[in-house]
Amino acid sequence: MFEVLVAAYEKRGEVDLTLALAALEHCTGPRPDVSAPARTLAGLCLEQGSARRPYTLLAIAGLAGEGTLRKALHVLSADASPSSRTS
């Protein structure tokens, strides 16, 4: 599912990240290694500034690994800081 979402994002420029989390939630058996496609999804979202659902993005970034999670936290916290807002 993650690979399909990466392809959809690359084609359309957006994707519903909740679909990826729902796929993992309903996965029976051992959880597959989704770190590589999760890293790609998170990276694409962060590059385009697409953080409409920041908690979902953080969850995907966490699946991608510590480096991606730190980058997402940095970007999202910068977006939330008062100095980044315009009056």
N, C-alpha and C. Protein backbone atom coordinates (compact mmCIF):
# COMPACT_ATOMS: atom_id res chain seq x y z
N MET A 1 0.82 -1.19 0.00
CA MET A 1 0.00 0.00 0.00
C MET A 1 0.87 1.26 0.00
N PHE A 2 1.95 1.23 0.78
CA PHE A 2 2.81 2.40 0.84
C PHE A 2 3.40 2.72 -0.53
N GLU A 3 3.80 1.69 -1.27
CA GLU A 3 4.37 1.91 -2.60
C GLU A 3 3.34 2.52 -3.55
N VAL A 4 2.10 2.09 -3.44
CA VAL A 4 1.02 2.64 -4.26
C VAL A 4 0.81 4.10 -3.93
N LEU A 5 0.87 4.45 -2.65
CA LEU A 5 0.69 5.84 -2.25
C LEU A 5 1.85 6.72 -2.71
N VAL A 6 3.06 6.18 -2.70
CA VAL A 6 4.21 6.93 -3.22
C VAL A 6 3.99 7.23 -4.70
N ALA A 7 3.57 6.23 -5.46
CA ALA A 7 3.31 6.43 -6.89
C ALA A 7 2.21 7.45 -7.12
N ALA A 8 1.16 7.39 -6.31
CA ALA A 8 0.05 8.34 -6.43
C ALA A 8 0.52 9.76 -6.11
N TYR A 9 1.35 9.89 -5.08
CA TYR A 9 1.86 11.21 -4.72
C TYR A 9 2.72 11.78 -5.84
N GLU A 10 3.59 10.94 -6.39
CA GLU A 10 4.45 11.41 -7.47
C GLU A 10 3.65 11.80 -8.71
N LYS A 11 2.52 11.16 -8.92
CA LYS A 11 1.68 11.45 -10.09
C LYS A 11 0.80 12.68 -9.88
N ARG A 12 0.16 12.77 -8.69
CA ARG A 12 -0.81 13.83 -8.45
C ARG A 12 -0.31 14.96 -7.57
N GLY A 13 0.77 14.72 -6.84
CA GLY A 13 1.30 15.76 -5.96
C GLY A 13 0.64 15.83 -4.60
N GLU A 14 -0.25 14.90 -4.32
CA GLU A 14 -0.87 14.82 -3.00
C GLU A 14 -1.39 13.41 -2.78
N VAL A 15 -1.54 13.07 -1.52
CA VAL A 15 -2.04 11.75 -1.17
C VAL A 15 -2.57 11.81 0.26
N ASP A 16 -3.53 10.97 0.56
CA ASP A 16 -4.09 10.89 1.91
C ASP A 16 -3.24 9.93 2.73
N LEU A 17 -2.41 10.48 3.61
CA LEU A 17 -1.51 9.66 4.42
C LEU A 17 -2.26 8.76 5.40
N THR A 18 -3.50 9.11 5.70
CA THR A 18 -4.26 8.26 6.63
C THR A 18 -4.51 6.87 6.03
N LEU A 19 -4.52 6.78 4.69
CA LEU A 19 -4.69 5.47 4.05
C LEU A 19 -3.52 4.55 4.38
N ALA A 20 -2.33 5.11 4.44
CA ALA A 20 -1.15 4.31 4.78
C ALA A 20 -1.25 3.79 6.21
N LEU A 21 -1.65 4.66 7.12
CA LEU A 21 -1.77 4.24 8.52
C LEU A 21 -2.89 3.22 8.70
N ALA A 22 -3.99 3.41 7.97
CA ALA A 22 -5.10 2.46 8.06
C ALA A 22 -4.67 1.09 7.54
N ALA A 23 -3.86 1.08 6.49
CA ALA A 23 -3.38 -0.20 5.95
C ALA A 23 -2.56 -0.94 6.99
N LEU A 24 -1.72 -0.22 7.72
CA LEU A 24 -0.93 -0.87 8.77
C LEU A 24 -1.80 -1.32 9.93
N GLU A 25 -2.79 -0.51 10.27
CA GLU A 25 -3.68 -0.85 11.38
C GLU A 25 -4.42 -2.15 11.11
N HIS A 26 -4.81 -2.36 9.87
CA HIS A 26 -5.60 -3.54 9.52
C HIS A 26 -4.75 -4.69 8.98
N CYS A 27 -3.45 -4.55 9.07
CA CYS A 27 -2.53 -5.59 8.61
C CYS A 27 -2.56 -6.77 9.59
N THR A 28 -2.78 -7.95 9.06
CA THR A 28 -2.74 -9.14 9.91
C THR A 28 -1.37 -9.77 9.78
N GLY A 29 -0.91 -10.32 10.85
CA GLY A 29 0.43 -10.91 10.83
C GLY A 29 1.47 -9.88 11.18
N PRO A 30 2.72 -10.21 10.94
CA PRO A 30 3.80 -9.28 11.27
C PRO A 30 3.73 -8.02 10.40
N ARG A 31 4.08 -6.89 11.00
CA ARG A 31 4.06 -5.63 10.27
C ARG A 31 5.19 -5.62 9.25
N PRO A 32 4.88 -5.29 8.00
CA PRO A 32 5.93 -5.25 6.98
C PRO A 32 6.87 -4.07 7.22
N ASP A 33 8.07 -4.17 6.68
CA ASP A 33 9.02 -3.06 6.77
C ASP A 33 8.62 -2.01 5.75
N VAL A 34 8.12 -0.90 6.24
CA VAL A 34 7.67 0.17 5.36
C VAL A 34 8.55 1.41 5.49
N SER A 35 9.72 1.24 6.08
CA SER A 35 10.56 2.41 6.35
C SER A 35 10.95 3.16 5.07
N ALA A 36 11.32 2.45 4.02
CA ALA A 36 11.74 3.14 2.79
C ALA A 36 10.59 3.92 2.14
N PRO A 37 9.43 3.29 1.88
CA PRO A 37 8.35 4.09 1.29
C PRO A 37 7.81 5.16 2.25
N ALA A 38 7.84 4.90 3.55
CA ALA A 38 7.41 5.92 4.51
C ALA A 38 8.36 7.11 4.46
N ARG A 39 9.66 6.85 4.32
CA ARG A 39 10.65 7.92 4.20
C ARG A 39 10.38 8.74 2.95
N THR A 40 10.04 8.07 1.86
CA THR A 40 9.73 8.77 0.61
C THR A 40 8.48 9.62 0.76
N LEU A 41 7.42 9.04 1.33
CA LEU A 41 6.18 9.80 1.52
C LEU A 41 6.39 11.02 2.40
N ALA A 42 7.06 10.82 3.53
CA ALA A 42 7.30 11.94 4.44
C ALA A 42 8.16 13.00 3.76
N GLY A 43 9.17 12.56 3.04
CA GLY A 43 10.05 13.51 2.34
C GLY A 43 9.30 14.33 1.31
N LEU A 44 8.44 13.68 0.54
CA LEU A 44 7.65 14.40 -0.47
C LEU A 44 6.73 15.42 0.18
N CYS A 45 6.09 15.03 1.27
CA CYS A 45 5.19 15.95 1.98
C CYS A 45 5.96 17.14 2.54
N LEU A 46 7.11 16.87 3.13
CA LEU A 46 7.91 17.95 3.71
C LEU A 46 8.47 18.88 2.65
N GLU A 47 8.87 18.35 1.51
CA GLU A 47 9.39 19.17 0.41
C GLU A 47 8.34 20.13 -0.10
N GLN A 48 7.11 19.68 -0.19
CA GLN A 48 6.04 20.51 -0.73
C GLN A 48 5.33 21.31 0.35
N GLY A 49 5.74 21.16 1.59
CA GLY A 49 5.09 21.88 2.67
C GLY A 49 3.67 21.40 2.89
N SER A 50 3.40 20.16 2.55
CA SER A 50 2.06 19.58 2.67
C SER A 50 1.88 18.96 4.04
N ALA A 51 1.43 19.77 4.99
CA ALA A 51 1.25 19.27 6.36
C ALA A 51 -0.14 19.60 6.86
N ARG A 52 -1.13 19.25 6.06
CA ARG A 52 -2.51 19.51 6.49
C ARG A 52 -2.88 18.67 7.70
N ARG A 53 -2.26 17.52 7.82
CA ARG A 53 -2.50 16.64 8.97
C ARG A 53 -1.15 16.36 9.63
N PRO A 54 -0.70 17.28 10.48
CA PRO A 54 0.66 17.15 11.03
C PRO A 54 0.87 15.89 11.86
N TYR A 55 -0.13 15.45 12.59
CA TYR A 55 0.05 14.24 13.41
C TYR A 55 0.18 12.99 12.54
N THR A 56 -0.54 12.97 11.45
CA THR A 56 -0.42 11.85 10.52
C THR A 56 0.97 11.86 9.87
N LEU A 57 1.43 13.04 9.50
CA LEU A 57 2.77 13.16 8.94
C LEU A 57 3.82 12.71 9.94
N LEU A 58 3.65 13.07 11.21
CA LEU A 58 4.60 12.63 12.24
C LEU A 58 4.58 11.11 12.40
N ALA A 59 3.42 10.51 12.32
CA ALA A 59 3.33 9.05 12.42
C ALA A 59 4.06 8.38 11.26
N ILE A 60 3.87 8.89 10.06
CA ILE A 60 4.55 8.34 8.88
C ILE A 60 6.06 8.56 9.01
N ALA A 61 6.45 9.74 9.46
CA ALA A 61 7.88 10.03 9.64
C ALA A 61 8.49 9.11 10.69
N GLY A 62 7.74 8.80 11.73
CA GLY A 62 8.23 7.87 12.75
C GLY A 62 8.46 6.48 12.19
N LEU A 63 7.62 6.06 11.28
CA LEU A 63 7.82 4.76 10.62
C LEU A 63 9.05 4.77 9.72
N ALA A 64 9.39 5.96 9.23
CA ALA A 64 10.52 6.09 8.32
C ALA A 64 11.86 6.02 9.04
N GLY A 65 11.87 6.39 10.30
CA GLY A 65 13.12 6.35 11.06
C GLY A 65 13.39 7.65 11.78
N GLU A 66 14.37 7.61 12.65
CA GLU A 66 14.66 8.75 13.52
C GLU A 66 15.05 10.01 12.75
N GLY A 67 15.84 9.87 11.71
CA GLY A 67 16.26 11.05 10.94
C GLY A 67 15.09 11.77 10.30
N THR A 68 14.20 11.02 9.70
CA THR A 68 13.02 11.60 9.06
C THR A 68 12.09 12.21 10.10
N LEU A 69 11.94 11.54 11.24
CA LEU A 69 11.10 12.08 12.30
C LEU A 69 11.66 13.40 12.82
N ARG A 70 12.96 13.48 13.01
CA ARG A 70 13.57 14.74 13.47
C ARG A 70 13.36 15.85 12.46
N LYS A 71 13.51 15.54 11.18
CA LYS A 71 13.29 16.55 10.14
C LYS A 71 11.85 17.04 10.16
N ALA A 72 10.90 16.11 10.28
CA ALA A 72 9.49 16.49 10.32
C ALA A 72 9.19 17.36 11.54
N LEU A 73 9.73 16.98 12.68
CA LEU A 73 9.54 17.79 13.89
C LEU A 73 10.10 19.19 13.71
N HIS A 74 11.27 19.28 13.10
CA HIS A 74 11.89 20.58 12.87
C HIS A 74 11.03 21.45 11.95
N VAL A 75 10.60 20.88 10.84
CA VAL A 75 9.79 21.62 9.88
C VAL A 75 8.45 22.03 10.48
N LEU A 76 7.79 21.10 11.16
CA LEU A 76 6.47 21.41 11.73
C LEU A 76 6.58 22.41 12.87
N SER A 77 7.62 22.32 13.69
CA SER A 77 7.75 23.29 14.78
C SER A 77 8.09 24.67 14.24
N ALA A 78 8.85 24.74 13.14
CA ALA A 78 9.14 26.03 12.52
C ALA A 78 7.87 26.64 11.94
N ASP A 79 7.01 25.80 11.36
CA ASP A 79 5.74 26.29 10.81
C ASP A 79 4.82 26.80 11.90
N ALA A 80 4.94 26.26 13.10
CA ALA A 80 4.04 26.63 14.18
C ALA A 80 4.55 27.80 15.01
N SER A 81 5.80 28.21 14.79
CA SER A 81 6.35 29.29 15.61
C SER A 81 5.71 30.62 15.25
N PRO A 82 5.53 31.50 16.24
CA PRO A 82 4.90 32.80 15.98
C PRO A 82 5.66 33.63 14.96
N SER A 83 6.98 33.50 14.89
CA SER A 83 7.76 34.30 13.94
C SER A 83 7.53 33.89 12.49
N SER A 84 7.00 32.70 12.27
CA SER A 84 6.76 32.25 10.90
C SER A 84 5.38 32.66 10.39
N ARG A 85 4.58 33.24 11.25
CA ARG A 85 3.24 33.68 10.85
C ARG A 85 3.27 35.15 10.46
N THR A 86 2.45 35.50 9.49
CA THR A 86 2.35 36.90 9.09
C THR A 86 1.06 37.47 9.62
N SER A 87 1.08 38.76 9.86
CA SER A 87 -0.12 39.43 10.41
C SER A 87 -1.08 39.81 9.33
